[in-house]
Structure formats: structure tokens, C-alpha cells
Amino acid sequence: RVSLVKDITSFDEAIKQAQKTGKLIFLNCYASWTRPCVGMDQYVFSNPDFADYLNQNFVCLRIDMQTDEGKALAERYGVKSYACYLVLDAEGEVIHRINRGHALPEFKDWVARALSPKTSLKGTREIYATGRYSKEDLYNIVVAAQLAKDQDLYNKAAAEYIKDMPMAEFTKRKNWVFTSLFKSPDSEFYRYLMTHKADFLK
């Protein structure tokens, strides 16, 4: 199974198309030697519905990161691991970042977050910087930061979100985004997880 996405393979051409159409650019930072990239082609970008979604909503750009252009873009955008997906505006600014691959339908949900300033990485960073945000805003900030592997923003926003949150709330699937805060077996959450394993499995 191969990708069904109608990719452009030139960064400059993608910028021109974005300026012409008003669409954002979905940049697939591709490396053939990584299993995640190959797997995403086989199981995600080969999905007809998802490929249509990308083709309709984005200028799709696929760059082989082993080429000279790819190496230059990797340095420009700080791409150090794969799979990696960037959503850029017509000026080449990063709007959203997904630093890993994943199965559908979750991956589509992650990509869709780029289309709103309330959920994109750039938009949520700006919201957080104002110091004025709702609980929902804070949750969106955490998710965007986690997808981008922005550990500093994630740690700050997540700690703020879970402050005073009842431990039982962690069993809800939406709140699993916070579990990486509790890697130590000495943490309260870790102990809760071990004693309520059945609730998490349910």
C-alpha cells in the first residue's frame, strides 16, 4: 500500500501554492530508513478518506529529508527525529507540529488541530502567553505541546491543569495526556495507577 496523498516535492512550489490558494502546508518530513515513516505510508497516507482530507484542506508537501533540500529544512525547523509532520503558513512559519506518527482516526484529529488557532501549536502558545485562558484552552495547550514534544510548555501547562484535579479523573481517556508527568514509582499518580489498574483498563 502506498500513499494516496497528492504531494508536491518542492518547498518553493508549496509556498507558491499556499499563497495562491490560502491553504496551510502539510509537510511530511520523510525518511525512507525509518520504520515510522514507512508505516505511515502503508497504514495512514494510503487511507483514501484521510488522503482526500489532506488533499482538500492542505497544500501537501513531501520532502525526502536525506536530500540537500531536506537537510536544509531539517536544520531550519529543528527536525531531529522521525516521523515528523509540520503545518506551515504561506510564509513558512510553523503553525503546528506533530513529532510522531500514529494510527487513524487519532492522527487525523491531531492534524485537524492545525486548522484552528484555539488548538494549533502557534495559537495555543499565543493564548498561554497572554496569561488569560480557560480550562479548555489550557487542555488544548497541553495537547499541542505534547504533540510537538515541547517539554517545557507541556510541563508548565499540564501542572497547572491538573492542580487540584481529583485523582479519579485520570482514568478518563482524555486525561491520559498527563500521565508522562508521573514516571516515578514514588509519585502519587503511579501508586494510584497500580491500585486502580482495572479502572484504567475499563
N, C-alpha and C. Protein backbone atom coordinates (compact mmCIF):
# COMPACT_ATOMS: atom_id res chain seq x y z
N ARG A 1 0.84 -1.19 0.00
CA ARG A 1 0.00 0.00 0.00
C ARG A 1 0.88 1.24 0.00
N VAL A 2 0.55 2.19 -0.84
CA VAL A 2 1.35 3.40 -0.96
C VAL A 2 0.50 4.63 -0.67
N SER A 3 1.19 5.74 -0.44
CA SER A 3 0.50 6.99 -0.14
C SER A 3 -0.40 7.41 -1.29
N LEU A 4 -1.59 7.89 -0.94
CA LEU A 4 -2.54 8.41 -1.94
C LEU A 4 -2.61 9.94 -1.90
N VAL A 5 -1.74 10.53 -1.09
CA VAL A 5 -1.73 11.99 -0.96
C VAL A 5 -1.08 12.61 -2.19
N LYS A 6 -1.67 13.67 -2.70
CA LYS A 6 -1.14 14.35 -3.89
C LYS A 6 -0.06 15.35 -3.45
N ASP A 7 1.13 14.82 -3.27
CA ASP A 7 2.22 15.62 -2.72
C ASP A 7 2.95 16.45 -3.76
N ILE A 8 3.32 17.65 -3.34
CA ILE A 8 4.30 18.46 -4.04
C ILE A 8 5.65 18.09 -3.44
N THR A 9 6.72 18.13 -4.21
CA THR A 9 8.03 17.73 -3.70
C THR A 9 9.04 18.88 -3.69
N SER A 10 8.56 20.10 -3.85
CA SER A 10 9.42 21.27 -3.80
C SER A 10 8.88 22.27 -2.78
N PHE A 11 9.72 22.68 -1.84
CA PHE A 11 9.30 23.63 -0.81
C PHE A 11 8.84 24.94 -1.43
N ASP A 12 9.61 25.47 -2.37
CA ASP A 12 9.26 26.75 -3.00
C ASP A 12 7.92 26.67 -3.72
N GLU A 13 7.67 25.56 -4.39
CA GLU A 13 6.40 25.38 -5.10
C GLU A 13 5.25 25.30 -4.11
N ALA A 14 5.46 24.64 -2.97
CA ALA A 14 4.42 24.54 -1.96
C ALA A 14 4.09 25.91 -1.39
N ILE A 15 5.09 26.74 -1.18
CA ILE A 15 4.87 28.11 -0.70
C ILE A 15 4.03 28.89 -1.71
N LYS A 16 4.35 28.75 -2.99
CA LYS A 16 3.59 29.44 -4.04
C LYS A 16 2.13 28.99 -4.04
N GLN A 17 1.92 27.67 -3.92
CA GLN A 17 0.56 27.14 -3.92
C GLN A 17 -0.22 27.60 -2.68
N ALA A 18 0.46 27.68 -1.55
CA ALA A 18 -0.19 28.14 -0.32
C ALA A 18 -0.60 29.60 -0.45
N GLN A 19 0.25 30.41 -1.04
CA GLN A 19 -0.06 31.81 -1.24
C GLN A 19 -1.21 31.98 -2.23
N LYS A 20 -1.26 31.11 -3.22
CA LYS A 20 -2.30 31.18 -4.24
C LYS A 20 -3.65 30.70 -3.72
N THR A 21 -3.65 29.63 -2.93
CA THR A 21 -4.90 29.00 -2.50
C THR A 21 -5.38 29.45 -1.12
N GLY A 22 -4.47 30.02 -0.33
CA GLY A 22 -4.82 30.40 1.04
C GLY A 22 -4.83 29.22 2.00
N LYS A 23 -4.33 28.07 1.56
CA LYS A 23 -4.27 26.89 2.41
C LYS A 23 -2.96 26.84 3.19
N LEU A 24 -2.99 26.10 4.29
CA LEU A 24 -1.77 25.80 5.01
C LEU A 24 -1.03 24.66 4.31
N ILE A 25 0.25 24.54 4.61
CA ILE A 25 1.08 23.48 4.03
C ILE A 25 1.23 22.34 5.04
N PHE A 26 0.93 21.13 4.62
CA PHE A 26 1.20 19.94 5.44
C PHE A 26 2.50 19.34 4.94
N LEU A 27 3.55 19.47 5.74
CA LEU A 27 4.87 18.99 5.34
C LEU A 27 5.16 17.64 5.98
N ASN A 28 5.29 16.64 5.13
CA ASN A 28 5.68 15.30 5.55
C ASN A 28 7.20 15.22 5.46
N CYS A 29 7.86 15.24 6.61
CA CYS A 29 9.33 15.13 6.65
C CYS A 29 9.66 13.64 6.56
N TYR A 30 9.93 13.18 5.37
CA TYR A 30 10.02 11.75 5.10
C TYR A 30 11.46 11.25 5.10
N ALA A 31 11.66 10.11 5.73
CA ALA A 31 12.96 9.43 5.70
C ALA A 31 12.69 7.95 5.49
N SER A 32 13.14 7.42 4.37
CA SER A 32 12.82 6.05 3.99
C SER A 32 13.43 5.00 4.91
N TRP A 33 14.45 5.40 5.67
CA TRP A 33 15.14 4.44 6.53
C TRP A 33 14.48 4.28 7.90
N THR A 34 13.41 5.04 8.15
CA THR A 34 12.74 4.93 9.45
C THR A 34 11.44 4.14 9.31
N ARG A 35 11.23 3.19 10.19
CA ARG A 35 10.02 2.39 10.16
C ARG A 35 8.75 3.21 10.34
N PRO A 36 8.75 4.23 11.25
CA PRO A 36 7.53 5.02 11.39
C PRO A 36 7.08 5.69 10.10
N CYS A 37 8.03 6.23 9.33
CA CYS A 37 7.66 6.88 8.07
C CYS A 37 7.08 5.88 7.08
N VAL A 38 7.73 4.73 6.96
CA VAL A 38 7.25 3.69 6.06
C VAL A 38 5.88 3.19 6.51
N GLY A 39 5.72 3.00 7.80
CA GLY A 39 4.44 2.54 8.34
C GLY A 39 3.32 3.53 8.10
N MET A 40 3.63 4.82 8.20
CA MET A 40 2.60 5.84 7.96
C MET A 40 2.13 5.80 6.51
N ASP A 41 3.06 5.55 5.58
CA ASP A 41 2.67 5.39 4.18
C ASP A 41 1.75 4.19 4.00
N GLN A 42 2.08 3.11 4.66
CA GLN A 42 1.33 1.87 4.48
C GLN A 42 -0.06 1.91 5.10
N TYR A 43 -0.18 2.55 6.26
CA TYR A 43 -1.42 2.42 7.02
C TYR A 43 -2.21 3.72 7.19
N VAL A 44 -1.60 4.87 6.94
CA VAL A 44 -2.29 6.14 7.16
C VAL A 44 -2.47 6.92 5.86
N PHE A 45 -1.37 7.23 5.18
CA PHE A 45 -1.47 8.02 3.96
C PHE A 45 -2.03 7.22 2.78
N SER A 46 -2.16 5.92 2.96
CA SER A 46 -2.80 5.08 1.94
C SER A 46 -4.31 4.97 2.15
N ASN A 47 -4.80 5.57 3.23
CA ASN A 47 -6.23 5.55 3.51
C ASN A 47 -6.93 6.57 2.61
N PRO A 48 -7.85 6.15 1.75
CA PRO A 48 -8.46 7.08 0.78
C PRO A 48 -9.16 8.26 1.43
N ASP A 49 -9.90 8.03 2.50
CA ASP A 49 -10.63 9.12 3.15
C ASP A 49 -9.67 10.14 3.76
N PHE A 50 -8.63 9.65 4.39
CA PHE A 50 -7.68 10.57 5.01
C PHE A 50 -6.87 11.31 3.95
N ALA A 51 -6.50 10.61 2.88
CA ALA A 51 -5.77 11.26 1.79
C ALA A 51 -6.62 12.38 1.18
N ASP A 52 -7.92 12.11 0.99
CA ASP A 52 -8.82 13.14 0.45
C ASP A 52 -8.90 14.33 1.41
N TYR A 53 -8.94 14.04 2.71
CA TYR A 53 -9.00 15.11 3.71
C TYR A 53 -7.77 16.01 3.60
N LEU A 54 -6.60 15.41 3.51
CA LEU A 54 -5.38 16.20 3.38
C LEU A 54 -5.38 17.00 2.07
N ASN A 55 -5.72 16.34 0.98
CA ASN A 55 -5.70 17.00 -0.34
C ASN A 55 -6.66 18.19 -0.40
N GLN A 56 -7.78 18.08 0.30
CA GLN A 56 -8.78 19.15 0.26
C GLN A 56 -8.43 20.33 1.17
N ASN A 57 -7.75 20.05 2.26
CA ASN A 57 -7.54 21.09 3.27
C ASN A 57 -6.14 21.69 3.32
N PHE A 58 -5.20 21.04 2.66
CA PHE A 58 -3.81 21.49 2.75
C PHE A 58 -3.13 21.44 1.39
N VAL A 59 -2.08 22.22 1.28
CA VAL A 59 -1.10 22.01 0.22
C VAL A 59 -0.16 20.95 0.79
N CYS A 60 -0.12 19.79 0.18
CA CYS A 60 0.64 18.67 0.74
C CYS A 60 2.05 18.63 0.15
N LEU A 61 3.01 18.67 1.01
CA LEU A 61 4.43 18.70 0.64
C LEU A 61 5.14 17.52 1.27
N ARG A 62 5.84 16.77 0.47
CA ARG A 62 6.61 15.62 0.95
C ARG A 62 8.07 15.84 0.57
N ILE A 63 8.92 15.90 1.57
CA ILE A 63 10.34 16.14 1.33
C ILE A 63 11.16 14.95 1.84
N ASP A 64 12.00 14.43 0.99
CA ASP A 64 12.94 13.39 1.41
C ASP A 64 14.04 14.08 2.21
N MET A 65 14.08 13.81 3.50
CA MET A 65 14.99 14.54 4.38
C MET A 65 16.45 14.13 4.21
N GLN A 66 16.70 13.17 3.32
CA GLN A 66 18.09 12.78 3.03
C GLN A 66 18.69 13.60 1.90
N THR A 67 17.85 14.38 1.20
CA THR A 67 18.33 15.23 0.12
C THR A 67 18.91 16.52 0.68
N ASP A 68 19.57 17.30 -0.16
CA ASP A 68 20.13 18.58 0.28
C ASP A 68 19.04 19.51 0.77
N GLU A 69 17.92 19.56 0.04
CA GLU A 69 16.80 20.40 0.46
C GLU A 69 16.24 19.92 1.79
N GLY A 70 16.12 18.61 1.92
CA GLY A 70 15.62 18.04 3.16
C GLY A 70 16.50 18.34 4.35
N LYS A 71 17.79 18.23 4.16
CA LYS A 71 18.73 18.52 5.24
C LYS A 71 18.65 19.98 5.66
N ALA A 72 18.50 20.87 4.68
CA ALA A 72 18.39 22.30 4.98
C ALA A 72 17.10 22.59 5.75
N LEU A 73 16.01 21.95 5.35
CA LEU A 73 14.73 22.15 6.05
C LEU A 73 14.77 21.55 7.45
N ALA A 74 15.45 20.42 7.60
CA ALA A 74 15.58 19.80 8.93
C ALA A 74 16.31 20.74 9.87
N GLU A 75 17.33 21.39 9.37
CA GLU A 75 18.07 22.35 10.20
C GLU A 75 17.22 23.58 10.49
N ARG A 76 16.51 24.07 9.50
CA ARG A 76 15.68 25.26 9.67
C ARG A 76 14.59 25.04 10.70
N TYR A 77 13.96 23.87 10.68
CA TYR A 77 12.82 23.62 11.55
C TYR A 77 13.14 22.72 12.75
N GLY A 78 14.39 22.40 12.92
CA GLY A 78 14.78 21.61 14.08
C GLY A 78 14.22 20.21 14.08
N VAL A 79 14.17 19.59 12.92
CA VAL A 79 13.67 18.21 12.81
C VAL A 79 14.82 17.26 13.12
N LYS A 80 14.67 16.53 14.20
CA LYS A 80 15.76 15.65 14.65
C LYS A 80 15.33 14.19 14.78
N SER A 81 14.03 13.93 14.68
CA SER A 81 13.54 12.56 14.78
C SER A 81 12.37 12.37 13.84
N TYR A 82 12.12 11.12 13.49
CA TYR A 82 11.08 10.80 12.51
C TYR A 82 10.21 9.67 13.06
N ALA A 83 8.93 9.70 12.77
CA ALA A 83 8.23 10.55 11.83
C ALA A 83 8.00 11.95 12.41
N CYS A 84 7.96 12.94 11.52
CA CYS A 84 7.71 14.32 11.92
C CYS A 84 6.88 15.01 10.85
N TYR A 85 5.86 15.75 11.29
CA TYR A 85 4.97 16.44 10.38
C TYR A 85 4.80 17.89 10.84
N LEU A 86 4.97 18.81 9.91
CA LEU A 86 4.84 20.23 10.21
C LEU A 86 3.70 20.82 9.40
N VAL A 87 2.98 21.74 9.99
CA VAL A 87 1.99 22.52 9.25
C VAL A 87 2.50 23.94 9.24
N LEU A 88 2.67 24.47 8.04
CA LEU A 88 3.27 25.79 7.85
C LEU A 88 2.27 26.73 7.18
N ASP A 89 2.46 28.03 7.42
CA ASP A 89 1.66 29.01 6.69
C ASP A 89 2.38 29.37 5.39
N ALA A 90 1.81 30.29 4.64
CA ALA A 90 2.36 30.64 3.33
C ALA A 90 3.70 31.37 3.41
N GLU A 91 4.09 31.75 4.63
CA GLU A 91 5.40 32.38 4.83
C GLU A 91 6.43 31.38 5.34
N GLY A 92 5.99 30.15 5.54
CA GLY A 92 6.90 29.13 6.02
C GLY A 92 7.01 29.07 7.53
N GLU A 93 6.12 29.78 8.25
CA GLU A 93 6.15 29.75 9.71
C GLU A 93 5.41 28.51 10.21
N VAL A 94 5.94 27.90 11.27
CA VAL A 94 5.32 26.70 11.83
C VAL A 94 4.03 27.07 12.57
N ILE A 95 2.93 26.48 12.15
CA ILE A 95 1.64 26.65 12.79
C ILE A 95 1.36 25.51 13.75
N HIS A 96 1.80 24.33 13.37
CA HIS A 96 1.52 23.13 14.14
C HIS A 96 2.63 22.12 13.91
N ARG A 97 2.84 21.25 14.89
CA ARG A 97 3.93 20.27 14.78
C ARG A 97 3.49 18.96 15.43
N ILE A 98 3.73 17.87 14.71
CA ILE A 98 3.44 16.54 15.23
C ILE A 98 4.72 15.73 15.13
N ASN A 99 5.32 15.44 16.25
CA ASN A 99 6.63 14.80 16.26
C ASN A 99 6.55 13.28 16.41
N ARG A 100 5.58 12.69 15.77
CA ARG A 100 5.49 11.22 15.74
C ARG A 100 4.34 10.82 14.83
N GLY A 101 4.36 9.57 14.41
CA GLY A 101 3.25 9.05 13.64
C GLY A 101 2.25 8.38 14.56
N HIS A 102 1.10 8.04 14.02
CA HIS A 102 0.08 7.36 14.81
C HIS A 102 -0.98 6.82 13.87
N ALA A 103 -1.80 5.95 14.39
CA ALA A 103 -2.87 5.35 13.60
C ALA A 103 -4.05 6.31 13.47
N LEU A 104 -4.90 6.02 12.50
CA LEU A 104 -6.17 6.73 12.36
C LEU A 104 -7.19 6.09 13.30
N PRO A 105 -8.19 6.82 13.79
CA PRO A 105 -8.53 8.20 13.43
C PRO A 105 -7.81 9.25 14.25
N GLU A 106 -7.02 8.84 15.26
CA GLU A 106 -6.38 9.83 16.13
C GLU A 106 -5.47 10.78 15.36
N PHE A 107 -4.73 10.25 14.39
CA PHE A 107 -3.79 11.11 13.67
C PHE A 107 -4.52 12.22 12.91
N LYS A 108 -5.67 11.89 12.35
CA LYS A 108 -6.47 12.91 11.66
C LYS A 108 -6.89 14.00 12.63
N ASP A 109 -7.27 13.62 13.84
CA ASP A 109 -7.65 14.60 14.86
C ASP A 109 -6.48 15.51 15.19
N TRP A 110 -5.28 14.93 15.27
CA TRP A 110 -4.09 15.73 15.57
C TRP A 110 -3.83 16.75 14.46
N VAL A 111 -3.96 16.31 13.22
CA VAL A 111 -3.73 17.20 12.08
C VAL A 111 -4.79 18.30 12.05
N ALA A 112 -6.03 17.96 12.31
CA ALA A 112 -7.14 18.92 12.28
C ALA A 112 -6.93 20.06 13.27
N ARG A 113 -6.18 19.81 14.33
CA ARG A 113 -5.91 20.86 15.32
C ARG A 113 -5.15 22.04 14.71
N ALA A 114 -4.48 21.80 13.60
CA ALA A 114 -3.73 22.88 12.94
C ALA A 114 -4.64 23.94 12.35
N LEU A 115 -5.89 23.59 12.09
CA LEU A 115 -6.79 24.48 11.36
C LEU A 115 -7.47 25.53 12.23
N SER A 116 -7.26 25.47 13.54
CA SER A 116 -7.85 26.47 14.43
C SER A 116 -6.79 27.04 15.36
N PRO A 117 -6.74 28.36 15.53
CA PRO A 117 -5.79 28.96 16.47
C PRO A 117 -6.06 28.57 17.92
N LYS A 118 -7.24 28.03 18.18
CA LYS A 118 -7.55 27.58 19.54
C LYS A 118 -6.89 26.25 19.87
N THR A 119 -6.47 25.52 18.83
CA THR A 119 -5.90 24.19 19.06
C THR A 119 -4.52 23.98 18.43
N SER A 120 -4.11 24.85 17.53
CA SER A 120 -2.80 24.69 16.89
C SER A 120 -1.68 25.03 17.87
N LEU A 121 -0.47 24.59 17.56
CA LEU A 121 0.68 24.89 18.43
C LEU A 121 0.92 26.39 18.51
N LYS A 122 0.96 27.07 17.38
CA LYS A 122 1.20 28.51 17.37
C LYS A 122 0.10 29.24 18.13
N GLY A 123 -1.15 28.88 17.86
CA GLY A 123 -2.27 29.56 18.51
C GLY A 123 -2.30 29.34 20.01
N THR A 124 -2.07 28.11 20.44
CA THR A 124 -2.13 27.83 21.88
C THR A 124 -0.95 28.46 22.63
N ARG A 125 0.20 28.53 21.98
CA ARG A 125 1.34 29.22 22.60
C ARG A 125 1.00 30.70 22.83
N GLU A 126 0.35 31.29 21.85
CA GLU A 126 -0.02 32.70 21.96
C GLU A 126 -1.06 32.91 23.06
N ILE A 127 -2.01 31.99 23.14
CA ILE A 127 -3.03 32.07 24.20
C ILE A 127 -2.37 31.95 25.57
N TYR A 128 -1.46 31.00 25.71
CA TYR A 128 -0.80 30.78 27.00
C TYR A 128 0.04 31.99 27.41
N ALA A 129 0.64 32.64 26.42
CA ALA A 129 1.48 33.80 26.70
C ALA A 129 0.69 34.99 27.25
N THR A 130 -0.61 35.04 26.95
CA THR A 130 -1.42 36.15 27.45
C THR A 130 -1.70 36.02 28.95
N GLY A 131 -1.64 34.78 29.46
CA GLY A 131 -1.97 34.55 30.87
C GLY A 131 -3.47 34.53 31.12
N ARG A 132 -4.27 34.64 30.06
CA ARG A 132 -5.73 34.64 30.18
C ARG A 132 -6.29 33.50 29.33
N TYR A 133 -6.73 32.45 30.00
CA TYR A 133 -7.22 31.30 29.25
C TYR A 133 -8.16 30.48 30.13
N SER A 134 -9.04 29.76 29.45
CA SER A 134 -10.00 28.91 30.15
C SER A 134 -9.38 27.54 30.41
N LYS A 135 -10.11 26.71 31.14
CA LYS A 135 -9.67 25.34 31.37
C LYS A 135 -9.55 24.59 30.05
N GLU A 136 -10.49 24.81 29.15
CA GLU A 136 -10.45 24.17 27.83
C GLU A 136 -9.23 24.63 27.04
N ASP A 137 -8.94 25.93 27.10
CA ASP A 137 -7.75 26.46 26.44
C ASP A 137 -6.50 25.77 26.97
N LEU A 138 -6.44 25.62 28.28
CA LEU A 138 -5.27 25.02 28.91
C LEU A 138 -5.09 23.58 28.46
N TYR A 139 -6.18 22.87 28.34
CA TYR A 139 -6.11 21.48 27.86
C TYR A 139 -5.57 21.44 26.43
N ASN A 140 -6.05 22.33 25.57
CA ASN A 140 -5.58 22.38 24.19
C ASN A 140 -4.10 22.75 24.12
N ILE A 141 -3.65 23.59 25.02
CA ILE A 141 -2.23 23.95 25.10
C ILE A 141 -1.40 22.71 25.42
N VAL A 142 -1.87 21.93 26.39
CA VAL A 142 -1.16 20.71 26.79
C VAL A 142 -1.06 19.73 25.62
N VAL A 143 -2.17 19.51 24.92
CA VAL A 143 -2.17 18.57 23.81
C VAL A 143 -1.23 19.02 22.70
N ALA A 144 -1.30 20.30 22.33
CA ALA A 144 -0.43 20.82 21.27
C ALA A 144 1.04 20.69 21.66
N ALA A 145 1.34 21.00 22.92
CA ALA A 145 2.72 20.90 23.39
C ALA A 145 3.21 19.46 23.39
N GLN A 146 2.35 18.54 23.77
CA GLN A 146 2.74 17.13 23.78
C GLN A 146 3.00 16.62 22.36
N LEU A 147 2.13 16.97 21.42
CA LEU A 147 2.32 16.54 20.04
C LEU A 147 3.63 17.07 19.47
N ALA A 148 3.97 18.30 19.84
CA ALA A 148 5.19 18.93 19.34
C ALA A 148 6.43 18.54 20.13
N LYS A 149 6.23 17.82 21.22
CA LYS A 149 7.31 17.49 22.15
C LYS A 149 8.00 18.76 22.67
N ASP A 150 7.17 19.77 22.95
CA ASP A 150 7.64 20.99 23.61
C ASP A 150 7.54 20.73 25.11
N GLN A 151 8.58 20.14 25.67
CA GLN A 151 8.52 19.64 27.03
C GLN A 151 8.34 20.75 28.06
N ASP A 152 8.95 21.89 27.82
CA ASP A 152 8.85 22.99 28.78
C ASP A 152 7.41 23.49 28.88
N LEU A 153 6.80 23.75 27.73
CA LEU A 153 5.41 24.23 27.72
C LEU A 153 4.48 23.15 28.28
N TYR A 154 4.71 21.91 27.89
CA TYR A 154 3.89 20.81 28.38
C TYR A 154 3.94 20.73 29.91
N ASN A 155 5.13 20.75 30.47
CA ASN A 155 5.28 20.62 31.92
C ASN A 155 4.55 21.74 32.67
N LYS A 156 4.70 22.96 32.18
CA LYS A 156 4.08 24.10 32.85
C LYS A 156 2.56 24.05 32.76
N ALA A 157 2.06 23.87 31.53
CA ALA A 157 0.61 23.89 31.33
C ALA A 157 -0.07 22.67 31.97
N ALA A 158 0.56 21.51 31.86
CA ALA A 158 -0.03 20.30 32.44
C ALA A 158 -0.10 20.39 33.95
N ALA A 159 0.97 20.87 34.58
CA ALA A 159 0.98 21.00 36.04
C ALA A 159 -0.13 21.95 36.49
N GLU A 160 -0.35 23.00 35.71
CA GLU A 160 -1.40 23.97 36.05
C GLU A 160 -2.78 23.35 35.88
N TYR A 161 -2.94 22.55 34.82
CA TYR A 161 -4.25 21.95 34.55
C TYR A 161 -4.64 20.95 35.62
N ILE A 162 -3.71 20.12 36.04
CA ILE A 162 -4.06 19.03 36.96
C ILE A 162 -4.05 19.46 38.43
N LYS A 163 -3.65 20.70 38.68
CA LYS A 163 -3.64 21.17 40.06
C LYS A 163 -5.05 21.04 40.66
N ASP A 164 -5.13 20.36 41.78
CA ASP A 164 -6.41 20.16 42.49
C ASP A 164 -7.39 19.26 41.74
N MET A 165 -6.94 18.59 40.67
CA MET A 165 -7.84 17.69 39.95
C MET A 165 -7.93 16.37 40.73
N PRO A 166 -9.14 15.88 40.99
CA PRO A 166 -9.28 14.62 41.72
C PRO A 166 -8.56 13.48 41.01
N MET A 167 -7.90 12.64 41.75
CA MET A 167 -7.12 11.56 41.17
C MET A 167 -7.96 10.65 40.27
N ALA A 168 -9.22 10.45 40.61
CA ALA A 168 -10.08 9.58 39.81
C ALA A 168 -10.26 10.09 38.38
N GLU A 169 -10.07 11.39 38.16
CA GLU A 169 -10.23 11.96 36.83
C GLU A 169 -9.18 11.42 35.84
N PHE A 170 -8.07 10.92 36.36
CA PHE A 170 -7.01 10.44 35.49
C PHE A 170 -7.40 9.18 34.73
N THR A 171 -8.42 8.48 35.20
CA THR A 171 -8.83 7.27 34.48
C THR A 171 -9.57 7.60 33.19
N LYS A 172 -10.03 8.83 33.03
CA LYS A 172 -10.70 9.23 31.79
C LYS A 172 -9.67 9.32 30.66
N ARG A 173 -10.02 8.77 29.54
CA ARG A 173 -9.06 8.67 28.43
C ARG A 173 -8.48 10.03 28.04
N LYS A 174 -9.27 11.08 28.05
CA LYS A 174 -8.77 12.40 27.65
C LYS A 174 -7.65 12.88 28.55
N ASN A 175 -7.63 12.37 29.78
CA ASN A 175 -6.62 12.82 30.73
C ASN A 175 -5.35 11.96 30.74
N TRP A 176 -5.30 10.97 29.87
CA TRP A 176 -4.07 10.19 29.77
C TRP A 176 -2.92 11.04 29.22
N VAL A 177 -3.25 12.17 28.64
CA VAL A 177 -2.22 13.07 28.13
C VAL A 177 -1.29 13.56 29.23
N PHE A 178 -1.72 13.42 30.48
CA PHE A 178 -0.92 13.92 31.60
C PHE A 178 -0.04 12.85 32.25
N THR A 179 -0.19 11.60 31.84
CA THR A 179 0.48 10.53 32.57
C THR A 179 2.00 10.59 32.51
N SER A 180 2.56 11.22 31.48
CA SER A 180 4.02 11.28 31.40
C SER A 180 4.63 12.15 32.49
N LEU A 181 3.80 12.89 33.21
CA LEU A 181 4.31 13.68 34.33
C LEU A 181 4.68 12.80 35.52
N PHE A 182 4.21 11.57 35.49
CA PHE A 182 4.34 10.73 36.68
C PHE A 182 5.10 9.44 36.36
N LYS A 183 6.35 9.56 36.03
CA LYS A 183 7.15 8.39 35.67
C LYS A 183 7.74 7.69 36.89
N SER A 184 7.85 8.42 37.97
CA SER A 184 8.48 7.86 39.16
C SER A 184 7.53 6.94 39.93
N PRO A 185 7.98 5.75 40.31
CA PRO A 185 7.16 4.85 41.13
C PRO A 185 6.79 5.45 42.49
N ASP A 186 7.50 6.54 42.86
CA ASP A 186 7.23 7.19 44.13
C ASP A 186 6.12 8.23 44.05
N SER A 187 5.66 8.52 42.81
CA SER A 187 4.65 9.56 42.67
C SER A 187 3.28 9.07 43.11
N GLU A 188 2.45 10.01 43.50
CA GLU A 188 1.09 9.67 43.94
C GLU A 188 0.30 9.04 42.81
N PHE A 189 0.47 9.59 41.60
CA PHE A 189 -0.29 9.06 40.47
C PHE A 189 0.13 7.63 40.17
N TYR A 190 1.42 7.35 40.19
CA TYR A 190 1.89 5.99 39.89
C TYR A 190 1.26 4.97 40.84
N ARG A 191 1.22 5.33 42.10
CA ARG A 191 0.61 4.44 43.09
C ARG A 191 -0.89 4.29 42.82
N TYR A 192 -1.54 5.38 42.41
CA TYR A 192 -2.97 5.31 42.08
C TYR A 192 -3.19 4.40 40.88
N LEU A 193 -2.34 4.53 39.88
CA LEU A 193 -2.45 3.70 38.68
C LEU A 193 -2.35 2.22 39.03
N MET A 194 -1.40 1.88 39.87
CA MET A 194 -1.20 0.48 40.23
C MET A 194 -2.39 -0.08 41.02
N THR A 195 -2.98 0.73 41.87
CA THR A 195 -4.09 0.24 42.71
C THR A 195 -5.44 0.32 42.02
N HIS A 196 -5.51 1.07 40.90
CA HIS A 196 -6.77 1.20 40.15
C HIS A 196 -6.59 0.76 38.70
N LYS A 197 -5.74 -0.21 38.50
CA LYS A 197 -5.45 -0.68 37.15
C LYS A 197 -6.72 -1.08 36.40
N ALA A 198 -7.65 -1.73 37.09
CA ALA A 198 -8.89 -2.19 36.45
C ALA A 198 -9.69 -1.02 35.90
N ASP A 199 -9.67 0.13 36.57
CA ASP A 199 -10.41 1.30 36.09
C ASP A 199 -9.80 1.83 34.80
N PHE A 200 -8.48 1.81 34.72
CA PHE A 200 -7.82 2.29 33.51
C PHE A 200 -8.06 1.32 32.34
N LEU A 201 -7.99 0.03 32.63
CA LEU A 201 -8.25 -0.96 31.58
C LEU A 201 -9.68 -0.86 31.07
N LYS A 202 -10.60 -0.59 31.96
CA LYS A 202 -12.01 -0.44 31.58
C LYS A 202 -12.19 0.75 30.66
